[in-house]
Amino acid sequence: MMNLDWQKFFQPSYLFSSRIPPFSFLFRYVLLVLFLLYLVLGVISLILSRTMKKKKPYYLKPLRKFYTYFFTLGSTGLILFFFRQERVYLFNLRFWLLLWFVVGLVWLFFIIRYLILDLPDEKRRMRELEVYRRYLPKKKK
């Protein structure tokens, strides 16, 4: 198992070094499982968004946000994994994996912020719209 020196980790010479060995055996499979799990979660959230479209339309937007989040991070993670294993010059830098992680955290923060702050207001507006539409005249057949 490889020991990680945190002081060395954030130095630009370490992050942008082009002489990087492939991932260790354990780390390789942990990353591969993580990236594939992200893709599976993306597909699950896409399927859920299509089934919830009619039942609960206010869940459509958050599920689509999760779909784009998981699918984008899973696919870019697999691409970065491939480049690292094949030692492609510019794309196997440690910097890319760190950037992938930071972007994922920031993106997840905005999704959670949406779920906490905006979704309750949208649910309330949808309920008010349903009550309003109940009293509108219906089309005659």
C-alpha atoms as a PDB file:
ATOM      1  CA  MET A   1       0.000   0.000   0.000  1.00  0.00           C
ATOM      2  CA  MET A   2       1.264   3.429  -0.926  1.00  0.00           C
ATOM      3  CA  ASN A   3       1.696   6.043   1.829  1.00  0.00           C
ATOM      4  CA  LEU A   4       0.519   9.521   0.940  1.00  0.00           C
ATOM      5  CA  ASP A   5       2.594  12.462   2.099  1.00  0.00           C
ATOM      6  CA  TRP A   6       0.081  15.318   2.440  1.00  0.00           C
ATOM      7  CA  GLN A   7       2.718  18.057   2.436  1.00  0.00           C
ATOM      8  CA  LYS A   8       4.065  16.749  -0.848  1.00  0.00           C
ATOM      9  CA  PHE A   9       0.597  16.153  -2.286  1.00  0.00           C
ATOM     10  CA  PHE A  10      -0.324  19.822  -2.686  1.00  0.00           C
ATOM     11  CA  GLN A  11       2.965  20.910  -4.228  1.00  0.00           C
ATOM     12  CA  PRO A  12       2.626  21.796  -7.925  1.00  0.00           C
ATOM     13  CA  SER A  13       5.653  19.693  -8.843  1.00  0.00           C
ATOM     14  CA  TYR A  14       3.880  16.623  -7.441  1.00  0.00           C
ATOM     15  CA  LEU A  15       0.455  17.422  -8.910  1.00  0.00           C
ATOM     16  CA  PHE A  16       1.763  18.189 -12.393  1.00  0.00           C
ATOM     17  CA  SER A  17       4.469  15.525 -12.613  1.00  0.00           C
ATOM     18  CA  SER A  18       4.168  13.528 -15.836  1.00  0.00           C
ATOM     19  CA  ARG A  19       6.104  10.505 -14.529  1.00  0.00           C
ATOM     20  CA  ILE A  20       3.326   8.750 -12.697  1.00  0.00           C
ATOM     21  CA  PRO A  21       3.046   4.999 -12.259  1.00  0.00           C
ATOM     22  CA  PRO A  22      -0.330   3.322 -12.810  1.00  0.00           C
ATOM     23  CA  PHE A  23      -2.637   2.981  -9.814  1.00  0.00           C
ATOM     24  CA  SER A  24      -1.838   0.359  -7.204  1.00  0.00           C
ATOM     25  CA  PHE A  25      -3.887  -2.830  -7.295  1.00  0.00           C
ATOM     26  CA  LEU A  26      -6.303  -1.942  -4.490  1.00  0.00           C
ATOM     27  CA  PHE A  27      -6.667   1.734  -5.428  1.00  0.00           C
ATOM     28  CA  ARG A  28      -7.338   0.783  -9.055  1.00  0.00           C
ATOM     29  CA  TYR A  29     -10.304  -1.374  -8.148  1.00  0.00           C
ATOM     30  CA  VAL A  30     -11.663   1.048  -5.578  1.00  0.00           C
ATOM     31  CA  LEU A  31     -11.665   3.839  -8.186  1.00  0.00           C
ATOM     32  CA  LEU A  32     -13.123   1.598 -10.868  1.00  0.00           C
ATOM     33  CA  VAL A  33     -15.960   0.518  -8.565  1.00  0.00           C
ATOM     34  CA  LEU A  34     -16.578   4.151  -7.567  1.00  0.00           C
ATOM     35  CA  PHE A  35     -16.772   5.354 -11.178  1.00  0.00           C
ATOM     36  CA  LEU A  36     -19.025   2.472 -12.221  1.00  0.00           C
ATOM     37  CA  LEU A  37     -21.218   3.070  -9.174  1.00  0.00           C
ATOM     38  CA  TYR A  38     -21.601   6.691 -10.259  1.00  0.00           C
ATOM     39  CA  LEU A  39     -22.698   5.538 -13.722  1.00  0.00           C
ATOM     40  CA  VAL A  40     -25.203   3.070 -12.251  1.00  0.00           C
ATOM     41  CA  LEU A  41     -26.604   5.759  -9.937  1.00  0.00           C
ATOM     42  CA  GLY A  42     -26.912   8.051 -12.954  1.00  0.00           C
ATOM     43  CA  VAL A  43     -28.926   5.459 -14.861  1.00  0.00           C
ATOM     44  CA  ILE A  44     -31.112   4.783 -11.800  1.00  0.00           C
ATOM     45  CA  SER A  45     -31.859   8.489 -11.362  1.00  0.00           C
ATOM     46  CA  LEU A  46     -32.697   8.771 -15.080  1.00  0.00           C
ATOM     47  CA  ILE A  47     -35.140   5.866 -14.826  1.00  0.00           C
ATOM     48  CA  LEU A  48     -36.673   7.339 -11.659  1.00  0.00           C
ATOM     49  CA  SER A  49     -37.066  10.740 -13.308  1.00  0.00           C
ATOM     50  CA  ARG A  50     -38.975   9.167 -16.195  1.00  0.00           C
ATOM     51  CA  THR A  51     -41.279   7.210 -13.877  1.00  0.00           C
ATOM     52  CA  MET A  52     -41.907  10.154 -11.528  1.00  0.00           C
ATOM     53  CA  LYS A  53     -42.776  12.533 -14.362  1.00  0.00           C
ATOM     54  CA  LYS A  54     -46.536  12.062 -13.987  1.00  0.00           C
ATOM     55  CA  LYS A  55     -46.770  11.076 -10.312  1.00  0.00           C
ATOM     56  CA  LYS A  56     -44.687  13.761  -8.654  1.00  0.00           C
ATOM     57  CA  PRO A  57     -43.457  16.313 -11.199  1.00  0.00           C
ATOM     58  CA  TYR A  58     -41.633  18.419  -8.608  1.00  0.00           C
ATOM     59  CA  TYR A  59     -39.113  15.582  -8.176  1.00  0.00           C
ATOM     60  CA  LEU A  60     -38.271  15.652 -11.878  1.00  0.00           C
ATOM     61  CA  LYS A  61     -35.765  18.517 -11.661  1.00  0.00           C
ATOM     62  CA  PRO A  62     -33.754  17.151  -8.691  1.00  0.00           C
ATOM     63  CA  LEU A  63     -33.614  13.687 -10.254  1.00  0.00           C
ATOM     64  CA  ARG A  64     -32.330  15.172 -13.496  1.00  0.00           C
ATOM     65  CA  LYS A  65     -29.734  17.110 -11.526  1.00  0.00           C
ATOM     66  CA  PHE A  66     -28.592  13.864  -9.921  1.00  0.00           C
ATOM     67  CA  TYR A  67     -28.589  12.143 -13.313  1.00  0.00           C
ATOM     68  CA  THR A  68     -26.287  14.739 -14.849  1.00  0.00           C
ATOM     69  CA  TYR A  69     -24.115  14.781 -11.728  1.00  0.00           C
ATOM     70  CA  PHE A  70     -23.598  11.038 -11.518  1.00  0.00           C
ATOM     71  CA  PHE A  71     -23.360  10.365 -15.233  1.00  0.00           C
ATOM     72  CA  THR A  72     -20.922  13.214 -15.886  1.00  0.00           C
ATOM     73  CA  LEU A  73     -18.638  12.412 -12.948  1.00  0.00           C
ATOM     74  CA  GLY A  74     -18.768   8.667 -13.625  1.00  0.00           C
ATOM     75  CA  SER A  75     -17.922   8.973 -17.298  1.00  0.00           C
ATOM     76  CA  THR A  76     -15.174  11.564 -16.807  1.00  0.00           C
ATOM     77  CA  GLY A  77     -13.790   9.459 -13.972  1.00  0.00           C
ATOM     78  CA  LEU A  78     -13.616   6.410 -16.235  1.00  0.00           C
ATOM     79  CA  ILE A  79     -11.896   8.482 -18.919  1.00  0.00           C
ATOM     80  CA  LEU A  80      -9.341   9.768 -16.394  1.00  0.00           C
ATOM     81  CA  PHE A  81      -8.858   6.221 -15.114  1.00  0.00           C
ATOM     82  CA  PHE A  82      -8.169   4.981 -18.649  1.00  0.00           C
ATOM     83  CA  PHE A  83      -5.698   7.791 -19.357  1.00  0.00           C
ATOM     84  CA  ARG A  84      -3.858   7.085 -16.118  1.00  0.00           C
ATOM     85  CA  GLN A  85      -3.613   3.367 -16.784  1.00  0.00           C
ATOM     86  CA  GLU A  86      -2.411   3.958 -20.357  1.00  0.00           C
ATOM     87  CA  ARG A  87      -0.035   6.732 -19.215  1.00  0.00           C
ATOM     88  CA  VAL A  88      -1.310   9.268 -21.730  1.00  0.00           C
ATOM     89  CA  TYR A  89       1.008  12.228 -21.331  1.00  0.00           C
ATOM     90  CA  LEU A  90      -1.116  15.284 -20.459  1.00  0.00           C
ATOM     91  CA  PHE A  91      -4.198  13.509 -19.119  1.00  0.00           C
ATOM     92  CA  ASN A  92      -2.592  11.229 -16.532  1.00  0.00           C
ATOM     93  CA  LEU A  93      -1.568  14.037 -14.162  1.00  0.00           C
ATOM     94  CA  ARG A  94      -2.615  13.768 -10.518  1.00  0.00           C
ATOM     95  CA  PHE A  95      -4.082  17.235 -10.890  1.00  0.00           C
ATOM     96  CA  TRP A  96      -7.003  15.941 -12.989  1.00  0.00           C
ATOM     97  CA  LEU A  97      -8.175  13.499 -10.358  1.00  0.00           C
ATOM     98  CA  LEU A  98      -7.942  16.187  -7.690  1.00  0.00           C
ATOM     99  CA  LEU A  99      -9.884  18.575  -9.930  1.00  0.00           C
ATOM    100  CA  TRP A 100     -12.493  15.851 -10.553  1.00  0.00           C
ATOM    101  CA  PHE A 101     -12.928  15.440  -6.795  1.00  0.00           C
ATOM    102  CA  VAL A 102     -13.194  19.178  -6.078  1.00  0.00           C
ATOM    103  CA  VAL A 103     -15.668  19.754  -8.927  1.00  0.00           C
ATOM    104  CA  GLY A 104     -17.737  16.832  -7.650  1.00  0.00           C
ATOM    105  CA  LEU A 105     -17.886  18.279  -4.141  1.00  0.00           C
ATOM    106  CA  VAL A 106     -18.828  21.778  -5.337  1.00  0.00           C
ATOM    107  CA  TRP A 107     -21.473  20.387  -7.683  1.00  0.00           C
ATOM    108  CA  LEU A 108     -22.929  18.196  -4.922  1.00  0.00           C
ATOM    109  CA  PHE A 109     -23.045  21.231  -2.620  1.00  0.00           C
ATOM    110  CA  PHE A 110     -25.191  23.113  -5.151  1.00  0.00           C
ATOM    111  CA  ILE A 111     -27.516  20.135  -5.620  1.00  0.00           C
ATOM    112  CA  ILE A 112     -28.006  19.781  -1.863  1.00  0.00           C
ATOM    113  CA  ARG A 113     -28.520  23.527  -1.582  1.00  0.00           C
ATOM    114  CA  TYR A 114     -31.234  23.284  -4.244  1.00  0.00           C
ATOM    115  CA  LEU A 115     -32.904  20.402  -2.388  1.00  0.00           C
ATOM    116  CA  ILE A 116     -32.925  22.278   0.911  1.00  0.00           C
ATOM    117  CA  LEU A 117     -33.775  25.810  -0.239  1.00  0.00           C
ATOM    118  CA  ASP A 118     -35.627  25.672  -3.560  1.00  0.00           C
ATOM    119  CA  LEU A 119     -37.464  22.348  -3.680  1.00  0.00           C
ATOM    120  CA  PRO A 120     -39.892  23.081  -0.802  1.00  0.00           C
ATOM    121  CA  ASP A 121     -40.964  26.314  -2.542  1.00  0.00           C
ATOM    122  CA  GLU A 122     -41.504  24.487  -5.829  1.00  0.00           C
ATOM    123  CA  LYS A 123     -43.592  21.818  -4.087  1.00  0.00           C
ATOM    124  CA  ARG A 124     -45.707  24.516  -2.463  1.00  0.00           C
ATOM    125  CA  ARG A 125     -46.211  26.298  -5.806  1.00  0.00           C
ATOM    126  CA  MET A 126     -47.196  23.028  -7.505  1.00  0.00           C
ATOM    127  CA  ARG A 127     -49.783  22.307  -4.805  1.00  0.00           C
ATOM    128  CA  GLU A 128     -51.210  25.827  -5.125  1.00  0.00           C
ATOM    129  CA  LEU A 129     -51.385  25.392  -8.908  1.00  0.00           C
ATOM    130  CA  GLU A 130     -53.225  22.075  -8.499  1.00  0.00           C
ATOM    131  CA  VAL A 131     -55.762  23.699  -6.172  1.00  0.00           C
ATOM    132  CA  TYR A 132     -56.180  26.579  -8.631  1.00  0.00           C
ATOM    133  CA  ARG A 133     -56.695  24.217 -11.588  1.00  0.00           C
ATOM    134  CA  ARG A 134     -59.329  22.244  -9.685  1.00  0.00           C
ATOM    135  CA  TYR A 135     -61.673  25.212  -9.831  1.00  0.00           C
ATOM    136  CA  LEU A 136     -61.106  26.062 -13.480  1.00  0.00           C
ATOM    137  CA  PRO A 137     -63.776  24.903 -15.901  1.00  0.00           C
ATOM    138  CA  LYS A 138     -62.986  21.648 -17.677  1.00  0.00           C
ATOM    139  CA  LYS A 139     -63.093  21.152 -21.444  1.00  0.00           C
ATOM    140  CA  LYS A 140     -66.314  19.742 -22.769  1.00  0.00           C
ATOM    141  CA  LYS A 141     -66.077  16.586 -24.794  1.00  0.00           C
END
